[in-house]
All heavy atoms as atom14 arrays in JSON, in Angstrom:
{
  "sequence": "QRGTYEPGKSDNAYYTFRTGNTYWLVVTLEFCPRPEMVEWANKIV",
  "atom14_mask": [
    [1, 1, 1, 1, 1, 1, 1, 1, 1, 0, 0, 0, 0, 0],
    [1, 1, 1, 1, 1, 1, 1, 1, 1, 1, 1, 0, 0, 0],
    [1, 1, 1, 1, 0, 0, 0, 0, 0, 0, 0, 0, 0, 0],
    [1, 1, 1, 1, 1, 1, 1, 0, 0, 0, 0, 0, 0, 0],
    [1, 1, 1, 1, 1, 1, 1, 1, 1, 1, 1, 1, 0, 0],
    [1, 1, 1, 1, 1, 1, 1, 1, 1, 0, 0, 0, 0, 0],
    [1, 1, 1, 1, 1, 1, 1, 0, 0, 0, 0, 0, 0, 0],
    [1, 1, 1, 1, 0, 0, 0, 0, 0, 0, 0, 0, 0, 0],
    [1, 1, 1, 1, 1, 1, 1, 1, 1, 0, 0, 0, 0, 0],
    [1, 1, 1, 1, 1, 1, 0, 0, 0, 0, 0, 0, 0, 0],
    [1, 1, 1, 1, 1, 1, 1, 1, 0, 0, 0, 0, 0, 0],
    [1, 1, 1, 1, 1, 1, 1, 1, 0, 0, 0, 0, 0, 0],
    [1, 1, 1, 1, 1, 0, 0, 0, 0, 0, 0, 0, 0, 0],
    [1, 1, 1, 1, 1, 1, 1, 1, 1, 1, 1, 1, 0, 0],
    [1, 1, 1, 1, 1, 1, 1, 1, 1, 1, 1, 1, 0, 0],
    [1, 1, 1, 1, 1, 1, 1, 0, 0, 0, 0, 0, 0, 0],
    [1, 1, 1, 1, 1, 1, 1, 1, 1, 1, 1, 0, 0, 0],
    [1, 1, 1, 1, 1, 1, 1, 1, 1, 1, 1, 0, 0, 0],
    [1, 1, 1, 1, 1, 1, 1, 0, 0, 0, 0, 0, 0, 0],
    [1, 1, 1, 1, 0, 0, 0, 0, 0, 0, 0, 0, 0, 0],
    [1, 1, 1, 1, 1, 1, 1, 1, 0, 0, 0, 0, 0, 0],
    [1, 1, 1, 1, 1, 1, 1, 0, 0, 0, 0, 0, 0, 0],
    [1, 1, 1, 1, 1, 1, 1, 1, 1, 1, 1, 1, 0, 0],
    [1, 1, 1, 1, 1, 1, 1, 1, 1, 1, 1, 1, 1, 1],
    [1, 1, 1, 1, 1, 1, 1, 1, 0, 0, 0, 0, 0, 0],
    [1, 1, 1, 1, 1, 1, 1, 0, 0, 0, 0, 0, 0, 0],
    [1, 1, 1, 1, 1, 1, 1, 0, 0, 0, 0, 0, 0, 0],
    [1, 1, 1, 1, 1, 1, 1, 0, 0, 0, 0, 0, 0, 0],
    [1, 1, 1, 1, 1, 1, 1, 1, 0, 0, 0, 0, 0, 0],
    [1, 1, 1, 1, 1, 1, 1, 1, 1, 0, 0, 0, 0, 0],
    [1, 1, 1, 1, 1, 1, 1, 1, 1, 1, 1, 0, 0, 0],
    [1, 1, 1, 1, 1, 1, 0, 0, 0, 0, 0, 0, 0, 0],
    [1, 1, 1, 1, 1, 1, 1, 0, 0, 0, 0, 0, 0, 0],
    [1, 1, 1, 1, 1, 1, 1, 1, 1, 1, 1, 0, 0, 0],
    [1, 1, 1, 1, 1, 1, 1, 0, 0, 0, 0, 0, 0, 0],
    [1, 1, 1, 1, 1, 1, 1, 1, 1, 0, 0, 0, 0, 0],
    [1, 1, 1, 1, 1, 1, 1, 1, 0, 0, 0, 0, 0, 0],
    [1, 1, 1, 1, 1, 1, 1, 0, 0, 0, 0, 0, 0, 0],
    [1, 1, 1, 1, 1, 1, 1, 1, 1, 0, 0, 0, 0, 0],
    [1, 1, 1, 1, 1, 1, 1, 1, 1, 1, 1, 1, 1, 1],
    [1, 1, 1, 1, 1, 0, 0, 0, 0, 0, 0, 0, 0, 0],
    [1, 1, 1, 1, 1, 1, 1, 1, 0, 0, 0, 0, 0, 0],
    [1, 1, 1, 1, 1, 1, 1, 1, 1, 0, 0, 0, 0, 0],
    [1, 1, 1, 1, 1, 1, 1, 1, 0, 0, 0, 0, 0, 0],
    [1, 1, 1, 1, 1, 1, 1, 0, 0, 0, 0, 0, 0, 0]
  ],
  "atom14_positions": [
    [[0.77, -1.16, 0.01], [-0.02, 0.13, 0.08], [0.85, 1.2, -0.04], [1.75, 1.44, 0.8], [-0.94, -0.04, 1.15], [-1.92, 1.06, 1.23], [-2.88, 0.98, 2.38], [-2.71, 1.64, 3.38], [-3.87, 0.06, 2.41], [0.0, 0.0, 0.0], [0.0, 0.0, 0.0], [0.0, 0.0, 0.0], [0.0, 0.0, 0.0], [0.0, 0.0, 0.0]],
    [[0.48, 2.19, -0.93], [1.26, 3.49, -0.95], [0.45, 4.59, -0.46], [1.08, 5.74, -0.27], [1.63, 3.61, -2.5], [2.49, 2.51, -3.01], [3.84, 2.41, -2.39], [4.65, 1.32, -2.83], [4.73, 0.23, -2.11], [4.34, 0.04, -0.9], [5.47, -0.88, -2.76], [0.0, 0.0, 0.0], [0.0, 0.0, 0.0], [0.0, 0.0, 0.0]],
    [[-0.87, 4.55, -0.21], [-1.51, 5.6, 0.25], [-3.05, 5.25, 0.27], [-3.49, 4.3, -0.2], [0.0, 0.0, 0.0], [0.0, 0.0, 0.0], [0.0, 0.0, 0.0], [0.0, 0.0, 0.0], [0.0, 0.0, 0.0], [0.0, 0.0, 0.0], [0.0, 0.0, 0.0], [0.0, 0.0, 0.0], [0.0, 0.0, 0.0], [0.0, 0.0, 0.0]],
    [[-3.77, 6.08, 1.25], [-5.23, 5.85, 1.34], [-5.89, 7.24, 1.21], [-5.33, 8.32, 1.45], [-5.47, 5.32, 2.69], [-5.09, 6.25, 3.73], [-4.81, 3.94, 2.91], [0.0, 0.0, 0.0], [0.0, 0.0, 0.0], [0.0, 0.0, 0.0], [0.0, 0.0, 0.0], [0.0, 0.0, 0.0], [0.0, 0.0, 0.0], [0.0, 0.0, 0.0]],
    [[-7.21, 7.33, 0.97], [-7.93, 8.6, 1.04], [-8.09, 9.15, 2.33], [-7.87, 10.32, 2.58], [-9.33, 8.35, 0.34], [-10.11, 9.58, 0.3], [-9.96, 10.52, -0.79], [-11.08, 9.94, 1.28], [-10.67, 11.79, -0.79], [-11.7, 11.16, 1.24], [-11.62, 12.02, 0.29], [-12.38, 13.11, 0.11], [0.0, 0.0, 0.0], [0.0, 0.0, 0.0]],
    [[-8.4, 8.27, 3.34], [-8.57, 8.66, 4.7], [-7.45, 8.12, 5.53], [-7.15, 6.86, 5.42], [-9.94, 8.19, 5.2], [-11.07, 8.83, 4.43], [-12.44, 8.14, 4.79], [-12.62, 7.02, 4.23], [-13.22, 8.71, 5.65], [0.0, 0.0, 0.0], [0.0, 0.0, 0.0], [0.0, 0.0, 0.0], [0.0, 0.0, 0.0], [0.0, 0.0, 0.0]],
    [[-6.85, 8.79, 6.43], [-5.77, 8.33, 7.15], [-6.05, 7.09, 7.97], [-7.21, 7.24, 8.74], [-5.3, 9.5, 8.01], [-5.72, 10.65, 7.23], [-7.05, 10.31, 6.55], [0.0, 0.0, 0.0], [0.0, 0.0, 0.0], [0.0, 0.0, 0.0], [0.0, 0.0, 0.0], [0.0, 0.0, 0.0], [0.0, 0.0, 0.0], [0.0, 0.0, 0.0]],
    [[-5.35, 6.16, 7.92], [-5.67, 4.88, 8.8], [-6.8, 3.99, 8.48], [-7.27, 3.04, 9.03], [0.0, 0.0, 0.0], [0.0, 0.0, 0.0], [0.0, 0.0, 0.0], [0.0, 0.0, 0.0], [0.0, 0.0, 0.0], [0.0, 0.0, 0.0], [0.0, 0.0, 0.0], [0.0, 0.0, 0.0], [0.0, 0.0, 0.0], [0.0, 0.0, 0.0]],
    [[-7.43, 4.32, 7.16], [-8.44, 3.52, 6.54], [-8.11, 3.02, 5.35], [-7.83, 3.89, 4.42], [-9.82, 4.33, 6.65], [-10.31, 4.77, 8.05], [-11.66, 5.44, 7.92], [-12.65, 4.49, 7.38], [-14.02, 5.19, 7.49], [0.0, 0.0, 0.0], [0.0, 0.0, 0.0], [0.0, 0.0, 0.0], [0.0, 0.0, 0.0], [0.0, 0.0, 0.0]],
    [[-8.23, 1.65, 5.01], [-7.93, 1.27, 3.76], [-9.12, 0.99, 2.8], [-9.13, 0.29, 1.89], [-7.19, -0.21, 3.93], [-5.95, 0.09, 4.63], [0.0, 0.0, 0.0], [0.0, 0.0, 0.0], [0.0, 0.0, 0.0], [0.0, 0.0, 0.0], [0.0, 0.0, 0.0], [0.0, 0.0, 0.0], [0.0, 0.0, 0.0], [0.0, 0.0, 0.0]],
    [[-10.3, 1.61, 3.19], [-11.5, 1.59, 2.37], [-11.31, 1.95, 0.98], [-11.78, 1.33, -0.09], [-12.61, 2.37, 2.98], [-12.87, 2.07, 4.42], [-11.99, 1.75, 5.19], [-14.06, 2.17, 4.82], [0.0, 0.0, 0.0], [0.0, 0.0, 0.0], [0.0, 0.0, 0.0], [0.0, 0.0, 0.0], [0.0, 0.0, 0.0], [0.0, 0.0, 0.0]],
    [[-10.5, 2.99, 0.76], [-10.14, 3.53, -0.58], [-8.58, 3.82, -0.52], [-8.07, 4.58, 0.15], [-10.76, 4.85, -0.92], [-12.29, 4.82, -0.94], [-12.95, 4.42, -1.9], [-12.95, 5.05, 0.19], [0.0, 0.0, 0.0], [0.0, 0.0, 0.0], [0.0, 0.0, 0.0], [0.0, 0.0, 0.0], [0.0, 0.0, 0.0], [0.0, 0.0, 0.0]],
    [[-7.82, 2.91, -1.2], [-6.37, 2.8, -1.13], [-5.68, 2.48, -2.44], [-6.43, 2.11, -3.41], [-5.95, 1.87, -0.08], [0.0, 0.0, 0.0], [0.0, 0.0, 0.0], [0.0, 0.0, 0.0], [0.0, 0.0, 0.0], [0.0, 0.0, 0.0], [0.0, 0.0, 0.0], [0.0, 0.0, 0.0], [0.0, 0.0, 0.0], [0.0, 0.0, 0.0]],
    [[-4.4, 2.73, -2.55], [-3.74, 2.26, -3.77], [-2.49, 1.51, -3.4], [-1.79, 1.88, -2.33], [-3.53, 3.41, -4.69], [-2.65, 4.59, -4.15], [-1.35, 4.64, -4.43], [-3.29, 5.58, -3.39], [-0.59, 5.83, -4.06], [-2.51, 6.68, -2.97], [-1.17, 6.75, -3.25], [-0.43, 7.85, -2.82], [0.0, 0.0, 0.0], [0.0, 0.0, 0.0]],
    [[-2.04, 0.67, -4.28], [-0.99, -0.28, -4.08], [-0.08, -0.28, -5.38], [-0.68, -0.14, -6.48], [-1.5, -1.64, -3.72], [-2.55, -1.73, -2.67], [-3.84, -1.38, -2.91], [-2.22, -2.22, -1.47], [-4.82, -1.34, -1.88], [-3.11, -2.33, -0.44], [-4.41, -1.77, -0.68], [-5.33, -1.82, 0.35], [0.0, 0.0, 0.0], [0.0, 0.0, 0.0]],
    [[1.11, -0.64, -5.3], [1.93, -0.77, -6.49], [2.83, -1.99, -6.33], [3.01, -2.48, -5.28], [2.89, 0.47, -6.56], [3.87, 0.52, -5.62], [2.3, 1.75, -6.76], [0.0, 0.0, 0.0], [0.0, 0.0, 0.0], [0.0, 0.0, 0.0], [0.0, 0.0, 0.0], [0.0, 0.0, 0.0], [0.0, 0.0, 0.0], [0.0, 0.0, 0.0]],
    [[3.1, -2.61, -7.43], [4.13, -3.69, -7.56], [4.79, -3.65, -8.96], [4.2, -2.86, -9.93], [3.41, -5.0, -7.39], [2.34, -5.49, -8.38], [2.71, -6.29, -9.46], [1.11, -5.14, -8.24], [1.75, -6.68, -10.42], [0.1, -5.52, -9.09], [0.48, -6.33, -10.21], [0.0, 0.0, 0.0], [0.0, 0.0, 0.0], [0.0, 0.0, 0.0]],
    [[5.79, -4.4, -9.08], [6.6, -4.37, -10.39], [6.8, -5.81, -10.85], [7.02, -6.63, -9.94], [7.97, -3.71, -10.19], [8.79, -3.55, -11.46], [10.08, -2.92, -11.18], [11.01, -2.87, -12.19], [12.27, -2.33, -12.23], [12.65, -1.73, -11.2], [12.85, -2.3, -13.44], [0.0, 0.0, 0.0], [0.0, 0.0, 0.0], [0.0, 0.0, 0.0]],
    [[6.71, -6.04, -12.16], [7.02, -7.29, -12.91], [8.04, -6.88, -13.82], [7.66, -6.41, -14.87], [5.81, -8.05, -13.38], [5.11, -7.25, -14.14], [4.97, -8.4, -12.1], [0.0, 0.0, 0.0], [0.0, 0.0, 0.0], [0.0, 0.0, 0.0], [0.0, 0.0, 0.0], [0.0, 0.0, 0.0], [0.0, 0.0, 0.0], [0.0, 0.0, 0.0]],
    [[9.2, -7.34, -13.75], [10.26, -7.0, -14.76], [10.39, -5.52, -15.0], [10.65, -4.91, -13.95], [0.0, 0.0, 0.0], [0.0, 0.0, 0.0], [0.0, 0.0, 0.0], [0.0, 0.0, 0.0], [0.0, 0.0, 0.0], [0.0, 0.0, 0.0], [0.0, 0.0, 0.0], [0.0, 0.0, 0.0], [0.0, 0.0, 0.0], [0.0, 0.0, 0.0]],
    [[10.19, -5.1, -16.18], [10.18, -3.67, -16.48], [8.8, -3.1, -16.57], [8.75, -1.85, -17.19], [11.02, -3.32, -17.81], [10.48, -3.93, -18.89], [9.52, -4.75, -18.81], [10.96, -3.6, -20.09], [0.0, 0.0, 0.0], [0.0, 0.0, 0.0], [0.0, 0.0, 0.0], [0.0, 0.0, 0.0], [0.0, 0.0, 0.0], [0.0, 0.0, 0.0]],
    [[7.84, -3.69, -15.96], [6.4, -3.17, -16.1], [5.92, -2.87, -14.61], [6.15, -3.69, -13.73], [5.6, -4.27, -16.62], [6.06, -4.67, -17.93], [4.14, -3.72, -16.92], [0.0, 0.0, 0.0], [0.0, 0.0, 0.0], [0.0, 0.0, 0.0], [0.0, 0.0, 0.0], [0.0, 0.0, 0.0], [0.0, 0.0, 0.0], [0.0, 0.0, 0.0]],
    [[5.29, -1.74, -14.51], [4.86, -1.2, -13.22], [3.33, -1.26, -13.17], [2.67, -0.95, -14.15], [5.36, 0.24, -12.93], [6.89, 0.35, -12.85], [7.65, 0.59, -13.97], [7.31, 0.47, -11.54], [9.01, 0.69, -13.88], [8.75, 0.61, -11.49], [9.48, 0.73, -12.56], [10.86, 0.82, -12.43], [0.0, 0.0, 0.0], [0.0, 0.0, 0.0]],
    [[2.86, -1.69, -12.01], [1.31, -1.79, -11.74], [0.82, -1.01, -10.66], [1.66, -0.77, -9.78], [1.05, -3.34, -11.52], [1.29, -4.14, -12.8], [2.61, -4.64, -13.21], [0.46, -4.52, -13.92], [2.46, -5.35, -14.36], [1.2, -5.2, -14.78], [-0.95, -4.33, -13.95], [0.55, -5.79, -15.87], [-1.55, -4.82, -15.06], [-0.91, -5.58, -16.05]],
    [[-0.33, -0.6, -10.81], [-1.03, 0.15, -9.7], [-2.44, -0.58, -9.48], [-3.13, -0.68, -10.4], [-1.19, 1.63, -10.11], [-2.15, 2.47, -9.25], [-1.41, 2.75, -7.9], [-2.47, 3.78, -9.99], [0.0, 0.0, 0.0], [0.0, 0.0, 0.0], [0.0, 0.0, 0.0], [0.0, 0.0, 0.0], [0.0, 0.0, 0.0], [0.0, 0.0, 0.0]],
    [[-2.72, -0.76, -8.22], [-4.03, -1.37, -7.99], [-4.79, -0.29, -7.05], [-4.29, 0.22, -6.06], [-4.11, -2.68, -7.07], [-5.34, -3.09, -6.62], [-3.32, -3.72, -7.88], [0.0, 0.0, 0.0], [0.0, 0.0, 0.0], [0.0, 0.0, 0.0], [0.0, 0.0, 0.0], [0.0, 0.0, 0.0], [0.0, 0.0, 0.0], [0.0, 0.0, 0.0]],
    [[-5.99, 0.1, -7.5], [-6.79, 1.07, -6.68], [-8.01, 0.42, -6.14], [-8.81, -0.26, -6.96], [-7.2, 2.24, -7.59], [-8.07, 3.3, -6.84], [-5.92, 3.03, -8.14], [0.0, 0.0, 0.0], [0.0, 0.0, 0.0], [0.0, 0.0, 0.0], [0.0, 0.0, 0.0], [0.0, 0.0, 0.0], [0.0, 0.0, 0.0], [0.0, 0.0, 0.0]],
    [[-8.14, 0.36, -4.94], [-9.43, -0.12, -4.31], [-10.35, 0.92, -3.99], [-10.05, 1.99, -3.56], [-9.1, -0.89, -3.08], [-8.52, -0.06, -2.01], [-8.16, -2.07, -3.19], [0.0, 0.0, 0.0], [0.0, 0.0, 0.0], [0.0, 0.0, 0.0], [0.0, 0.0, 0.0], [0.0, 0.0, 0.0], [0.0, 0.0, 0.0], [0.0, 0.0, 0.0]],
    [[-11.67, 0.72, -4.49], [-12.74, 1.73, -4.25], [-13.79, 1.14, -3.36], [-14.26, -0.09, -3.6], [-13.33, 2.18, -5.63], [-12.41, 3.14, -6.31], [-13.13, 3.4, -7.75], [-12.36, 4.48, -5.64], [0.0, 0.0, 0.0], [0.0, 0.0, 0.0], [0.0, 0.0, 0.0], [0.0, 0.0, 0.0], [0.0, 0.0, 0.0], [0.0, 0.0, 0.0]],
    [[-14.35, 1.87, -2.44], [-15.46, 1.5, -1.65], [-16.68, 1.03, -2.35], [-16.83, 1.48, -3.61], [-15.76, 2.58, -0.62], [-16.33, 3.82, -1.27], [-16.43, 4.97, -0.31], [-15.87, 4.98, 0.7], [-17.22, 5.98, -0.7], [0.0, 0.0, 0.0], [0.0, 0.0, 0.0], [0.0, 0.0, 0.0], [0.0, 0.0, 0.0], [0.0, 0.0, 0.0]],
    [[-17.69, 0.43, -1.8], [-18.92, -0.01, -2.49], [-19.64, 1.26, -3.04], [-19.93, 2.18, -2.26], [-19.68, -0.74, -1.47], [-20.93, -1.39, -2.1], [-20.88, -2.7, -2.4], [-22.19, -0.68, -2.17], [-22.02, -3.33, -2.95], [-23.39, -1.13, -2.65], [-23.22, -2.58, -3.01], [0.0, 0.0, 0.0], [0.0, 0.0, 0.0], [0.0, 0.0, 0.0]],
    [[-19.96, 1.14, -4.32], [-20.62, 2.23, -5.03], [-20.02, 3.52, -4.49], [-20.79, 4.31, -3.71], [-22.16, 2.19, -4.87], [-22.8, 0.77, -5.78], [0.0, 0.0, 0.0], [0.0, 0.0, 0.0], [0.0, 0.0, 0.0], [0.0, 0.0, 0.0], [0.0, 0.0, 0.0], [0.0, 0.0, 0.0], [0.0, 0.0, 0.0], [0.0, 0.0, 0.0]],
    [[-18.89, 3.98, -4.72], [-18.21, 5.09, -4.0], [-18.88, 6.39, -3.94], [-19.54, 6.81, -5.03], [-16.8, 5.01, -4.58], [-17.03, 4.52, -5.98], [-18.07, 3.56, -5.87], [0.0, 0.0, 0.0], [0.0, 0.0, 0.0], [0.0, 0.0, 0.0], [0.0, 0.0, 0.0], [0.0, 0.0, 0.0], [0.0, 0.0, 0.0], [0.0, 0.0, 0.0]],
    [[-18.54, 7.21, -3.05], [-18.77, 8.64, -2.98], [-18.13, 9.23, -4.22], [-16.9, 9.03, -4.53], [-18.49, 9.21, -1.69], [-19.42, 8.64, -0.56], [-18.79, 9.0, 0.98], [-17.67, 8.04, 1.08], [-16.95, 8.07, 2.26], [-17.18, 9.04, 3.13], [-16.08, 7.09, 2.36], [0.0, 0.0, 0.0], [0.0, 0.0, 0.0], [0.0, 0.0, 0.0]],
    [[-18.73, 10.32, -4.75], [-18.1, 10.97, -5.95], [-16.67, 11.44, -5.53], [-15.83, 11.57, -6.43], [-19.1, 12.11, -6.21], [-20.37, 11.6, -5.84], [-20.06, 10.67, -4.66], [0.0, 0.0, 0.0], [0.0, 0.0, 0.0], [0.0, 0.0, 0.0], [0.0, 0.0, 0.0], [0.0, 0.0, 0.0], [0.0, 0.0, 0.0], [0.0, 0.0, 0.0]],
    [[-16.45, 11.93, -4.43], [-15.13, 12.45, -3.96], [-14.11, 11.46, -4.02], [-12.95, 11.61, -4.37], [-15.11, 13.14, -2.71], [-15.69, 12.39, -1.53], [-17.14, 12.53, -1.34], [-17.97, 12.68, -2.23], [-17.56, 12.55, -0.02], [0.0, 0.0, 0.0], [0.0, 0.0, 0.0], [0.0, 0.0, 0.0], [0.0, 0.0, 0.0], [0.0, 0.0, 0.0]],
    [[-14.51, 10.12, -3.91], [-13.57, 9.05, -3.89], [-13.1, 8.73, -5.33], [-11.98, 8.4, -5.68], [-14.1, 7.77, -3.28], [-14.65, 7.89, -1.88], [-13.37, 8.58, -0.75], [-14.39, 8.94, 0.71], [0.0, 0.0, 0.0], [0.0, 0.0, 0.0], [0.0, 0.0, 0.0], [0.0, 0.0, 0.0], [0.0, 0.0, 0.0], [0.0, 0.0, 0.0]],
    [[-14.04, 8.89, -6.26], [-13.73, 8.66, -7.73], [-12.94, 9.76, -8.25], [-11.94, 9.59, -8.96], [-15.06, 8.63, -8.51], [-14.82, 8.65, -9.9], [-16.01, 7.5, -8.03], [0.0, 0.0, 0.0], [0.0, 0.0, 0.0], [0.0, 0.0, 0.0], [0.0, 0.0, 0.0], [0.0, 0.0, 0.0], [0.0, 0.0, 0.0], [0.0, 0.0, 0.0]],
    [[-13.15, 11.02, -7.71], [-12.22, 12.18, -8.1], [-10.9, 11.8, -7.6], [-9.81, 12.23, -8.2], [-12.78, 13.54, -7.59], [-11.98, 14.65, -7.99], [-11.76, 14.72, -9.49], [-12.59, 14.41, -10.31], [-10.73, 15.13, -9.91], [0.0, 0.0, 0.0], [0.0, 0.0, 0.0], [0.0, 0.0, 0.0], [0.0, 0.0, 0.0], [0.0, 0.0, 0.0]],
    [[-10.71, 11.37, -6.3], [-9.48, 11.09, -5.72], [-8.72, 10.08, -6.53], [-7.51, 10.2, -6.88], [-9.67, 10.55, -4.28], [-8.45, 10.01, -3.7], [-7.37, 10.51, -3.11], [-8.26, 8.44, -3.61], [-6.48, 9.41, -2.73], [-7.1, 8.18, -2.95], [-9.07, 7.32, -3.98], [-6.64, 6.93, -2.71], [-8.62, 6.11, -3.7], [-7.22, 5.9, -3.09]],
    [[-9.42, 9.01, -6.96], [-8.86, 7.92, -7.76], [-8.38, 8.52, -9.15], [-7.36, 8.01, -9.5], [-9.94, 6.84, -8.0], [0.0, 0.0, 0.0], [0.0, 0.0, 0.0], [0.0, 0.0, 0.0], [0.0, 0.0, 0.0], [0.0, 0.0, 0.0], [0.0, 0.0, 0.0], [0.0, 0.0, 0.0], [0.0, 0.0, 0.0], [0.0, 0.0, 0.0]],
    [[-9.1, 9.34, -9.71], [-8.59, 10.08, -10.84], [-7.25, 10.65, -10.84], [-6.3, 10.43, -11.7], [-9.69, 11.05, -11.29], [-10.63, 10.57, -12.2], [-10.45, 9.96, -13.32], [-11.96, 10.73, -11.91], [0.0, 0.0, 0.0], [0.0, 0.0, 0.0], [0.0, 0.0, 0.0], [0.0, 0.0, 0.0], [0.0, 0.0, 0.0], [0.0, 0.0, 0.0]],
    [[-7.0, 11.27, -9.67], [-5.78, 11.99, -9.41], [-4.79, 10.96, -9.3], [-3.54, 11.17, -9.65], [-5.86, 12.86, -8.18], [-6.87, 14.03, -8.35], [-6.94, 14.88, -7.05], [-7.99, 15.98, -7.26], [-8.07, 16.77, -6.06], [0.0, 0.0, 0.0], [0.0, 0.0, 0.0], [0.0, 0.0, 0.0], [0.0, 0.0, 0.0], [0.0, 0.0, 0.0]],
    [[-4.93, 9.77, -8.59], [-3.94, 8.72, -8.33], [-3.51, 8.08, -9.6], [-2.34, 7.91, -9.92], [-4.48, 7.79, -7.36], [-4.77, 8.35, -5.99], [-3.49, 6.58, -7.19], [-3.59, 9.07, -5.38], [0.0, 0.0, 0.0], [0.0, 0.0, 0.0], [0.0, 0.0, 0.0], [0.0, 0.0, 0.0], [0.0, 0.0, 0.0], [0.0, 0.0, 0.0]],
    [[-4.53, 7.79, -10.48], [-4.21, 7.1, -11.69], [-3.46, 7.99, -12.57], [-2.55, 7.59, -13.32], [-5.61, 6.72, -12.41], [-5.39, 6.19, -13.86], [-6.3, 5.62, -11.55], [0.0, 0.0, 0.0], [0.0, 0.0, 0.0], [0.0, 0.0, 0.0], [0.0, 0.0, 0.0], [0.0, 0.0, 0.0], [0.0, 0.0, 0.0], [0.0, 0.0, 0.0]]
  ]
}
């Protein structure tokens, strides 16, 4: 995990890993998320 929307809560969070020379990002979003979470995810991506 590299960061969360809310401190200390992994409800909306992002993670990274690497395979060879390829980088990956996983973004977890809460159930039918609040619009502000979607906007946050846009910034992370």
